[in-house]
């Protein structure tokens, strides 16, 4: 399958989406599967993976309900309270759904940079792995060493590093991101997700070659058998339409063999998320 590995859906409400700044007006609206389906088809994607946006159990229920009604949503990476003593029961509610594939917590918004190393959080990761689910790491560059410690504690857990660790593209800085992402990539149970970089730059003044140095590092560090691509729709609309944003990733990987491109465009996502 060809898979867009990073799509989000929501019914917009200001109180539920407080993280959206005033500049994000283009996405302060309902963003639902009917809108993205023709965009996926325009790039010959067979489906997508939907990721959570809120730290609420109702978010996971919402995404799974959408997946029930839209077959092209191949998998859902939802949210459970990994620190809760009831995390096992929360996971068991969702794991019976065939499209519940993984868990994510928006770590880069937490005031405690080492939250993921806490005993309660790690207990939740253990419960996640015990059910065969992946875990998506959403962190900033500063968190990468801590994320590496978490990964080292769970060598049999499948991890995905969203947005390849959010390198500082706007500042044209490779370090310390490149050293830290290379270190993390040494762990074979981690895959990189090329997504979301357009929201880290000037939305109105970026060029495709702004991202090339970071994509080259990611490709060298992970290799095509541990990389996947995602549009980050609808957030990509802040800095370009779907065709333009996905075109940057697809043009970059055109240097690869057809077999390697197939891995980056879906094979890795299919394997890691068990689609």
C-alpha atoms as a PDB file:
ATOM      1  CA  UNK A   1       0.000   0.000   0.000  1.00  0.00           C
ATOM      2  CA  UNK A   2       0.944   3.651  -0.465  1.00  0.00           C
ATOM      3  CA  UNK A   3       0.263   5.387   2.835  1.00  0.00           C
ATOM      4  CA  UNK A   4       0.223   9.000   3.974  1.00  0.00           C
ATOM      5  CA  UNK A   5       1.486   8.270   7.475  1.00  0.00           C
ATOM      6  CA  UNK A   6       0.489  11.516   9.192  1.00  0.00           C
ATOM      7  CA  UNK A   7      -2.993  12.987   8.901  1.00  0.00           C
ATOM      8  CA  UNK A   8      -5.174  14.556  11.578  1.00  0.00           C
ATOM      9  CA  UNK A   9      -8.899  15.153  11.803  1.00  0.00           C
ATOM     10  CA  UNK A  10     -10.994  17.333  14.057  1.00  0.00           C
ATOM     11  CA  UNK A  11     -14.277  19.098  14.544  1.00  0.00           C
ATOM     12  CA  UNK A  12     -13.026  22.503  15.515  1.00  0.00           C
ATOM     13  CA  UNK A  13     -13.941  24.148  18.794  1.00  0.00           C
ATOM     14  CA  UNK A  14     -11.816  26.942  20.344  1.00  0.00           C
ATOM     15  CA  UNK A  15     -11.929  25.411  23.817  1.00  0.00           C
ATOM     16  CA  UNK A  16     -10.854  22.012  22.506  1.00  0.00           C
ATOM     17  CA  UNK A  17      -8.055  23.318  20.290  1.00  0.00           C
ATOM     18  CA  UNK A  18      -6.439  26.002  22.397  1.00  0.00           C
ATOM     19  CA  UNK A  19      -3.031  25.136  20.961  1.00  0.00           C
ATOM     20  CA  UNK A  20      -4.034  26.792  17.689  1.00  0.00           C
ATOM     21  CA  UNK A  21      -2.610  30.310  17.629  1.00  0.00           C
ATOM     22  CA  UNK A  22      -4.422  33.201  15.884  1.00  0.00           C
ATOM     23  CA  UNK A  23      -2.123  32.765  12.882  1.00  0.00           C
ATOM     24  CA  UNK A  24      -3.583  29.282  12.339  1.00  0.00           C
ATOM     25  CA  UNK A  25      -6.918  30.618  11.087  1.00  0.00           C
ATOM     26  CA  UNK A  26      -6.839  28.424   7.918  1.00  0.00           C
ATOM     27  CA  UNK A  27      -7.178  25.289  10.059  1.00  0.00           C
ATOM     28  CA  UNK A  28      -9.567  26.706  12.656  1.00  0.00           C
ATOM     29  CA  UNK A  29     -12.451  24.828  11.096  1.00  0.00           C
ATOM     30  CA  UNK A  30     -13.720  21.280  10.769  1.00  0.00           C
ATOM     31  CA  UNK A  31     -11.095  19.120   9.050  1.00  0.00           C
ATOM     32  CA  UNK A  32     -12.642  15.776   8.202  1.00  0.00           C
ATOM     33  CA  UNK A  33     -12.001  12.729   6.003  1.00  0.00           C
ATOM     34  CA  UNK A  34     -14.238  13.808   3.117  1.00  0.00           C
ATOM     35  CA  UNK A  35     -11.828  16.661   2.417  1.00  0.00           C
ATOM     36  CA  UNK A  36      -8.615  14.655   2.422  1.00  0.00           C
ATOM     37  CA  UNK A  37      -9.813  11.613   0.487  1.00  0.00           C
ATOM     38  CA  UNK A  38      -9.454  13.200  -2.992  1.00  0.00           C
ATOM     39  CA  UNK A  39      -6.080  14.649  -1.983  1.00  0.00           C
ATOM     40  CA  UNK A  40      -4.794  11.179  -1.128  1.00  0.00           C
ATOM     41  CA  UNK A  41      -6.053   9.905  -4.450  1.00  0.00           C
ATOM     42  CA  UNK A  42      -4.280  12.731  -6.276  1.00  0.00           C
ATOM     43  CA  UNK A  43      -0.965  11.327  -5.024  1.00  0.00           C
ATOM     44  CA  UNK A  44      -1.970   7.686  -5.503  1.00  0.00           C
ATOM     45  CA  UNK A  45      -2.073   7.040  -1.763  1.00  0.00           C
ATOM     46  CA  UNK A  46      -4.260   4.077  -0.872  1.00  0.00           C
ATOM     47  CA  UNK A  47      -4.872   5.293   2.647  1.00  0.00           C
ATOM     48  CA  UNK A  48      -3.611   7.219   5.638  1.00  0.00           C
ATOM     49  CA  UNK A  49      -2.811   6.958   9.320  1.00  0.00           C
ATOM     50  CA  UNK A  50      -4.804   9.324  11.552  1.00  0.00           C
ATOM     51  CA  UNK A  51      -3.074  10.746  14.632  1.00  0.00           C
ATOM     52  CA  UNK A  52      -4.500  12.284  17.785  1.00  0.00           C
ATOM     53  CA  UNK A  53      -4.588  16.012  18.488  1.00  0.00           C
ATOM     54  CA  UNK A  54      -6.079  16.094  21.995  1.00  0.00           C
ATOM     55  CA  UNK A  55      -5.193  14.411  25.286  1.00  0.00           C
ATOM     56  CA  UNK A  56      -8.631  12.932  25.750  1.00  0.00           C
ATOM     57  CA  UNK A  57     -10.047   9.430  25.467  1.00  0.00           C
ATOM     58  CA  UNK A  58     -12.927  10.837  23.419  1.00  0.00           C
ATOM     59  CA  UNK A  59     -10.320  11.821  20.809  1.00  0.00           C
ATOM     60  CA  UNK A  60      -9.388   8.183  20.269  1.00  0.00           C
ATOM     61  CA  UNK A  61     -13.049   7.177  20.118  1.00  0.00           C
ATOM     62  CA  UNK A  62     -13.680   9.952  17.585  1.00  0.00           C
ATOM     63  CA  UNK A  63     -10.857   8.826  15.290  1.00  0.00           C
ATOM     64  CA  UNK A  64     -11.881   5.168  15.465  1.00  0.00           C
ATOM     65  CA  UNK A  65     -15.454   6.134  14.603  1.00  0.00           C
ATOM     66  CA  UNK A  66     -14.169   8.006  11.563  1.00  0.00           C
ATOM     67  CA  UNK A  67     -12.118   4.956  10.599  1.00  0.00           C
ATOM     68  CA  UNK A  68     -15.254   2.812  10.794  1.00  0.00           C
ATOM     69  CA  UNK A  69     -16.930   5.000   8.178  1.00  0.00           C
ATOM     70  CA  UNK A  70     -13.931   5.681   5.929  1.00  0.00           C
ATOM     71  CA  UNK A  71     -12.020   2.578   4.788  1.00  0.00           C
ATOM     72  CA  UNK A  72      -9.060   4.645   3.549  1.00  0.00           C
ATOM     73  CA  UNK A  73      -8.173   5.453   7.186  1.00  0.00           C
ATOM     74  CA  UNK A  74      -5.936   2.426   7.530  1.00  0.00           C
ATOM     75  CA  UNK A  75      -4.892   3.015  11.121  1.00  0.00           C
ATOM     76  CA  UNK A  76      -5.336   5.255  14.153  1.00  0.00           C
ATOM     77  CA  UNK A  77      -2.638   6.440  16.557  1.00  0.00           C
ATOM     78  CA  UNK A  78      -4.732   7.589  19.473  1.00  0.00           C
ATOM     79  CA  UNK A  79      -4.279   8.799  23.026  1.00  0.00           C
ATOM     80  CA  UNK A  80      -4.558   7.100  26.386  1.00  0.00           C
ATOM     81  CA  UNK A  81      -3.364   8.409  29.724  1.00  0.00           C
ATOM     82  CA  UNK A  82      -0.072   6.577  29.940  1.00  0.00           C
ATOM     83  CA  UNK A  83       0.443   7.801  33.499  1.00  0.00           C
ATOM     84  CA  UNK A  84      -2.909   6.560  34.763  1.00  0.00           C
ATOM     85  CA  UNK A  85      -3.147   3.465  36.972  1.00  0.00           C
ATOM     86  CA  UNK A  86      -6.011   2.523  34.636  1.00  0.00           C
ATOM     87  CA  UNK A  87      -3.930   2.674  31.475  1.00  0.00           C
ATOM     88  CA  UNK A  88      -4.313  -1.081  30.881  1.00  0.00           C
ATOM     89  CA  UNK A  89      -8.111  -0.797  30.926  1.00  0.00           C
ATOM     90  CA  UNK A  90      -7.987   2.219  28.610  1.00  0.00           C
ATOM     91  CA  UNK A  91      -5.825   0.348  26.130  1.00  0.00           C
ATOM     92  CA  UNK A  92      -8.036  -2.728  26.338  1.00  0.00           C
ATOM     93  CA  UNK A  93     -11.052  -0.637  25.377  1.00  0.00           C
ATOM     94  CA  UNK A  94      -9.386   0.348  22.116  1.00  0.00           C
ATOM     95  CA  UNK A  95      -7.153  -2.564  21.196  1.00  0.00           C
ATOM     96  CA  UNK A  96     -10.148  -4.682  20.194  1.00  0.00           C
ATOM     97  CA  UNK A  97     -10.687  -2.265  17.305  1.00  0.00           C
ATOM     98  CA  UNK A  98      -8.749  -3.557  14.276  1.00  0.00           C
ATOM     99  CA  UNK A  99      -7.617  -0.058  13.263  1.00  0.00           C
ATOM    100  CA  UNK A 100      -6.194   0.983  16.639  1.00  0.00           C
ATOM    101  CA  UNK A 101      -2.478   0.764  15.889  1.00  0.00           C
ATOM    102  CA  UNK A 102      -0.583   2.992  18.295  1.00  0.00           C
ATOM    103  CA  UNK A 103      -0.437   5.692  20.945  1.00  0.00           C
ATOM    104  CA  UNK A 104       0.919   9.230  21.038  1.00  0.00           C
ATOM    105  CA  UNK A 105       1.320  11.892  23.715  1.00  0.00           C
ATOM    106  CA  UNK A 106       2.286  15.438  22.693  1.00  0.00           C
ATOM    107  CA  UNK A 107       5.455  15.471  24.773  1.00  0.00           C
ATOM    108  CA  UNK A 108       6.933  18.700  23.448  1.00  0.00           C
ATOM    109  CA  UNK A 109       4.136  20.695  25.104  1.00  0.00           C
ATOM    110  CA  UNK A 110       4.792  19.272  28.556  1.00  0.00           C
ATOM    111  CA  UNK A 111       6.570  21.540  31.092  1.00  0.00           C
ATOM    112  CA  UNK A 112       8.596  18.582  32.355  1.00  0.00           C
ATOM    113  CA  UNK A 113      11.160  17.679  29.685  1.00  0.00           C
ATOM    114  CA  UNK A 114      11.764  14.315  31.360  1.00  0.00           C
ATOM    115  CA  UNK A 115       8.140  13.326  31.814  1.00  0.00           C
ATOM    116  CA  UNK A 116       8.646  10.354  29.512  1.00  0.00           C
ATOM    117  CA  UNK A 117      11.227   8.867  31.889  1.00  0.00           C
ATOM    118  CA  UNK A 118       8.845   8.820  34.852  1.00  0.00           C
ATOM    119  CA  UNK A 119       7.932   5.457  36.334  1.00  0.00           C
ATOM    120  CA  UNK A 120       4.239   5.934  35.586  1.00  0.00           C
ATOM    121  CA  UNK A 121       4.816   6.946  31.952  1.00  0.00           C
ATOM    122  CA  UNK A 122       7.152   4.020  31.389  1.00  0.00           C
ATOM    123  CA  UNK A 123       4.578   1.679  32.885  1.00  0.00           C
ATOM    124  CA  UNK A 124       2.171   2.947  30.230  1.00  0.00           C
ATOM    125  CA  UNK A 125       4.730   2.346  27.475  1.00  0.00           C
ATOM    126  CA  UNK A 126       5.174  -1.215  28.745  1.00  0.00           C
ATOM    127  CA  UNK A 127       1.413  -1.793  28.592  1.00  0.00           C
ATOM    128  CA  UNK A 128       1.364  -0.328  25.076  1.00  0.00           C
ATOM    129  CA  UNK A 129       4.091  -2.666  23.880  1.00  0.00           C
ATOM    130  CA  UNK A 130       2.490  -5.672  25.537  1.00  0.00           C
ATOM    131  CA  UNK A 131      -0.490  -5.180  23.216  1.00  0.00           C
ATOM    132  CA  UNK A 132       1.630  -4.962  20.080  1.00  0.00           C
ATOM    133  CA  UNK A 133       1.061  -1.225  19.617  1.00  0.00           C
ATOM    134  CA  UNK A 134       3.536   1.359  18.342  1.00  0.00           C
ATOM    135  CA  UNK A 135       4.378   4.613  20.096  1.00  0.00           C
ATOM    136  CA  UNK A 136       4.858   7.939  18.277  1.00  0.00           C
ATOM    137  CA  UNK A 137       7.418  10.321  19.795  1.00  0.00           C
ATOM    138  CA  UNK A 138       6.504  13.985  19.262  1.00  0.00           C
ATOM    139  CA  UNK A 139       9.402  16.013  20.652  1.00  0.00           C
ATOM    140  CA  UNK A 140      11.671  18.965  19.994  1.00  0.00           C
ATOM    141  CA  UNK A 141      15.418  18.751  19.402  1.00  0.00           C
ATOM    142  CA  UNK A 142      16.052  19.414  23.096  1.00  0.00           C
ATOM    143  CA  UNK A 143      14.114  16.262  24.004  1.00  0.00           C
ATOM    144  CA  UNK A 144      15.977  13.866  21.701  1.00  0.00           C
ATOM    145  CA  UNK A 145      18.535  12.702  24.310  1.00  0.00           C
ATOM    146  CA  UNK A 146      15.702  11.976  26.733  1.00  0.00           C
ATOM    147  CA  UNK A 147      13.780  10.164  23.999  1.00  0.00           C
ATOM    148  CA  UNK A 148      16.874   8.052  23.367  1.00  0.00           C
ATOM    149  CA  UNK A 149      16.923   7.049  27.024  1.00  0.00           C
ATOM    150  CA  UNK A 150      13.269   6.012  26.781  1.00  0.00           C
ATOM    151  CA  UNK A 151      13.938   3.946  23.676  1.00  0.00           C
ATOM    152  CA  UNK A 152      16.885   2.254  25.374  1.00  0.00           C
ATOM    153  CA  UNK A 153      14.571   1.189  28.194  1.00  0.00           C
ATOM    154  CA  UNK A 154      12.232  -0.549  25.715  1.00  0.00           C
ATOM    155  CA  UNK A 155      14.329  -2.271  23.025  1.00  0.00           C
ATOM    156  CA  UNK A 156      11.375  -4.374  21.834  1.00  0.00           C
ATOM    157  CA  UNK A 157       8.927  -1.475  21.515  1.00  0.00           C
ATOM    158  CA  UNK A 158       8.290   0.010  18.048  1.00  0.00           C
ATOM    159  CA  UNK A 159       8.862   3.788  18.121  1.00  0.00           C
ATOM    160  CA  UNK A 160       8.165   6.400  15.436  1.00  0.00           C
ATOM    161  CA  UNK A 161       9.872   9.804  15.673  1.00  0.00           C
ATOM    162  CA  UNK A 162       7.369  12.274  14.255  1.00  0.00           C
ATOM    163  CA  UNK A 163       8.593  15.114  12.021  1.00  0.00           C
ATOM    164  CA  UNK A 164      12.098  13.577  12.301  1.00  0.00           C
ATOM    165  CA  UNK A 165      12.503  15.318  15.662  1.00  0.00           C
ATOM    166  CA  UNK A 166      11.604  18.835  14.462  1.00  0.00           C
ATOM    167  CA  UNK A 167      14.981  20.114  13.223  1.00  0.00           C
ATOM    168  CA  UNK A 168      15.529  23.875  13.324  1.00  0.00           C
ATOM    169  CA  UNK A 169      15.003  24.446   9.612  1.00  0.00           C
ATOM    170  CA  UNK A 170      13.968  28.065  10.126  1.00  0.00           C
ATOM    171  CA  UNK A 171      17.368  28.834  11.679  1.00  0.00           C
ATOM    172  CA  UNK A 172      19.217  26.729   9.091  1.00  0.00           C
ATOM    173  CA  UNK A 173      20.864  24.821  11.931  1.00  0.00           C
ATOM    174  CA  UNK A 174      21.873  21.205  11.530  1.00  0.00           C
ATOM    175  CA  UNK A 175      23.454  20.848  14.972  1.00  0.00           C
ATOM    176  CA  UNK A 176      22.702  19.616  17.551  1.00  0.00           C
ATOM    177  CA  UNK A 177      19.758  17.981  15.782  1.00  0.00           C
ATOM    178  CA  UNK A 178      21.815  15.931  13.348  1.00  0.00           C
ATOM    179  CA  UNK A 179      24.027  14.437  16.055  1.00  0.00           C
ATOM    180  CA  UNK A 180      21.044  13.628  18.242  1.00  0.00           C
ATOM    181  CA  UNK A 181      18.871  12.150  15.498  1.00  0.00           C
ATOM    182  CA  UNK A 182      21.781  10.008  14.285  1.00  0.00           C
ATOM    183  CA  UNK A 183      22.263   8.694  17.811  1.00  0.00           C
ATOM    184  CA  UNK A 184      18.565   7.884  18.138  1.00  0.00           C
ATOM    185  CA  UNK A 185      18.554   6.223  14.711  1.00  0.00           C
ATOM    186  CA  UNK A 186      21.173   3.719  15.895  1.00  0.00           C
ATOM    187  CA  UNK A 187      18.296   2.011  17.690  1.00  0.00           C
ATOM    188  CA  UNK A 188      16.780  -0.409  15.189  1.00  0.00           C
ATOM    189  CA  UNK A 189      13.357  -0.231  16.857  1.00  0.00           C
ATOM    190  CA  UNK A 190      12.963   3.449  15.861  1.00  0.00           C
ATOM    191  CA  UNK A 191      11.756   4.694  12.481  1.00  0.00           C
ATOM    192  CA  UNK A 192      11.731   8.270  11.254  1.00  0.00           C
ATOM    193  CA  UNK A 193       8.689  10.048   9.883  1.00  0.00           C
ATOM    194  CA  UNK A 194       9.315  12.787   7.317  1.00  0.00           C
ATOM    195  CA  UNK A 195       6.434  15.143   7.995  1.00  0.00           C
ATOM    196  CA  UNK A 196       5.511  18.484   9.490  1.00  0.00           C
ATOM    197  CA  UNK A 197       8.651  20.414   8.569  1.00  0.00           C
ATOM    198  CA  UNK A 198       6.804  23.122   6.623  1.00  0.00           C
ATOM    199  CA  UNK A 199       5.166  24.437   9.789  1.00  0.00           C
ATOM    200  CA  UNK A 200       8.637  24.983  11.307  1.00  0.00           C
ATOM    201  CA  UNK A 201       9.639  27.636   8.737  1.00  0.00           C
ATOM    202  CA  UNK A 202       8.293  30.908   7.371  1.00  0.00           C
ATOM    203  CA  UNK A 203       5.006  29.679   5.934  1.00  0.00           C
ATOM    204  CA  UNK A 204       5.133  32.092   3.022  1.00  0.00           C
ATOM    205  CA  UNK A 205       8.794  32.050   2.077  1.00  0.00           C
ATOM    206  CA  UNK A 206      10.157  28.505   2.001  1.00  0.00           C
ATOM    207  CA  UNK A 207      11.743  26.673  -0.895  1.00  0.00           C
ATOM    208  CA  UNK A 208      12.023  22.907  -1.344  1.00  0.00           C
ATOM    209  CA  UNK A 209      15.810  22.964  -1.027  1.00  0.00           C
ATOM    210  CA  UNK A 210      15.491  24.460   2.472  1.00  0.00           C
ATOM    211  CA  UNK A 211      14.707  20.942   3.663  1.00  0.00           C
ATOM    212  CA  UNK A 212      17.241  18.985   1.629  1.00  0.00           C
ATOM    213  CA  UNK A 213      20.080  18.965   4.229  1.00  0.00           C
ATOM    214  CA  UNK A 214      17.713  17.619   6.900  1.00  0.00           C
ATOM    215  CA  UNK A 215      16.195  15.001   4.617  1.00  0.00           C
ATOM    216  CA  UNK A 216      19.663  13.845   3.620  1.00  0.00           C
ATOM    217  CA  UNK A 217      20.638  13.384   7.269  1.00  0.00           C
ATOM    218  CA  UNK A 218      17.431  11.472   7.967  1.00  0.00           C
ATOM    219  CA  UNK A 219      17.862   9.230   4.937  1.00  0.00           C
ATOM    220  CA  UNK A 220      21.472   8.491   5.840  1.00  0.00           C
ATOM    221  CA  UNK A 221      20.646   7.871   9.508  1.00  0.00           C
ATOM    222  CA  UNK A 222      17.572   5.673   9.120  1.00  0.00           C
ATOM    223  CA  UNK A 223      17.849   4.351   5.573  1.00  0.00           C
ATOM    224  CA  UNK A 224      14.815   3.844   3.304  1.00  0.00           C
ATOM    225  CA  UNK A 225      13.747   0.748   5.237  1.00  0.00           C
ATOM    226  CA  UNK A 226      13.136   2.854   8.379  1.00  0.00           C
ATOM    227  CA  UNK A 227      11.603   6.023   6.944  1.00  0.00           C
ATOM    228  CA  UNK A 228       7.996   6.925   6.186  1.00  0.00           C
ATOM    229  CA  UNK A 229       6.395  10.085   4.823  1.00  0.00           C
ATOM    230  CA  UNK A 230       3.336  12.011   5.930  1.00  0.00           C
ATOM    231  CA  UNK A 231       1.628  15.177   4.769  1.00  0.00           C
ATOM    232  CA  UNK A 232       0.673  16.499   8.223  1.00  0.00           C
ATOM    233  CA  UNK A 233      -2.684  17.455   6.706  1.00  0.00           C
ATOM    234  CA  UNK A 234      -4.446  19.773   7.508  1.00  0.00           C
ATOM    235  CA  UNK A 235      -1.567  21.606   9.227  1.00  0.00           C
ATOM    236  CA  UNK A 236       0.320  21.591   5.935  1.00  0.00           C
ATOM    237  CA  UNK A 237      -2.288  24.054   4.638  1.00  0.00           C
ATOM    238  CA  UNK A 238      -0.629  26.767   6.706  1.00  0.00           C
ATOM    239  CA  UNK A 239       2.388  26.728   4.425  1.00  0.00           C
ATOM    240  CA  UNK A 240       1.263  25.194   1.167  1.00  0.00           C
ATOM    241  CA  UNK A 241      -1.359  22.982  -0.398  1.00  0.00           C
ATOM    242  CA  UNK A 242      -1.268  19.190  -0.220  1.00  0.00           C
ATOM    243  CA  UNK A 243       0.284  18.768  -3.658  1.00  0.00           C
ATOM    244  CA  UNK A 244       3.136  21.181  -2.981  1.00  0.00           C
ATOM    245  CA  UNK A 245       4.011  19.805   0.451  1.00  0.00           C
ATOM    246  CA  UNK A 246       3.912  16.130  -0.476  1.00  0.00           C
ATOM    247  CA  UNK A 247       5.773  16.995  -3.674  1.00  0.00           C
ATOM    248  CA  UNK A 248       8.838  18.008  -1.666  1.00  0.00           C
ATOM    249  CA  UNK A 249       9.028  14.587  -0.021  1.00  0.00           C
ATOM    250  CA  UNK A 250       8.256  12.659  -3.194  1.00  0.00           C
ATOM    251  CA  UNK A 251      10.756  14.638  -5.276  1.00  0.00           C
ATOM    252  CA  UNK A 252      13.458  14.027  -2.672  1.00  0.00           C
ATOM    253  CA  UNK A 253      12.991  10.260  -2.578  1.00  0.00           C
ATOM    254  CA  UNK A 254      12.895  10.034  -6.384  1.00  0.00           C
ATOM    255  CA  UNK A 255      16.660   9.452  -6.135  1.00  0.00           C
ATOM    256  CA  UNK A 256      15.910   6.054  -4.570  1.00  0.00           C
ATOM    257  CA  UNK A 257      15.207   2.801  -6.371  1.00  0.00           C
ATOM    258  CA  UNK A 258      11.547   1.915  -7.014  1.00  0.00           C
ATOM    259  CA  UNK A 259      11.735  -0.695  -4.263  1.00  0.00           C
ATOM    260  CA  UNK A 260      13.142   1.812  -1.777  1.00  0.00           C
ATOM    261  CA  UNK A 261      10.561   4.428  -2.726  1.00  0.00           C
ATOM    262  CA  UNK A 262       7.844   1.854  -2.107  1.00  0.00           C
ATOM    263  CA  UNK A 263       9.177   1.336   1.406  1.00  0.00           C
ATOM    264  CA  UNK A 264       9.215   5.057   2.234  1.00  0.00           C
ATOM    265  CA  UNK A 265       5.808   5.638   0.617  1.00  0.00           C
ATOM    266  CA  UNK A 266       4.013   2.901   2.498  1.00  0.00           C
ATOM    267  CA  UNK A 267       5.947  -0.260   3.188  1.00  0.00           C
ATOM    268  CA  UNK A 268       7.510   1.026   6.393  1.00  0.00           C
ATOM    269  CA  UNK A 269       4.222   2.453   7.678  1.00  0.00           C
ATOM    270  CA  UNK A 270       2.449  -0.782   6.807  1.00  0.00           C
ATOM    271  CA  UNK A 271       5.017  -2.784   8.774  1.00  0.00           C
ATOM    272  CA  UNK A 272       5.475  -0.518  11.793  1.00  0.00           C
ATOM    273  CA  UNK A 273       1.804   0.289  12.280  1.00  0.00           C
ATOM    274  CA  UNK A 274       0.777  -3.260  11.292  1.00  0.00           C
ATOM    275  CA  UNK A 275      -1.777  -1.990   8.814  1.00  0.00           C
END
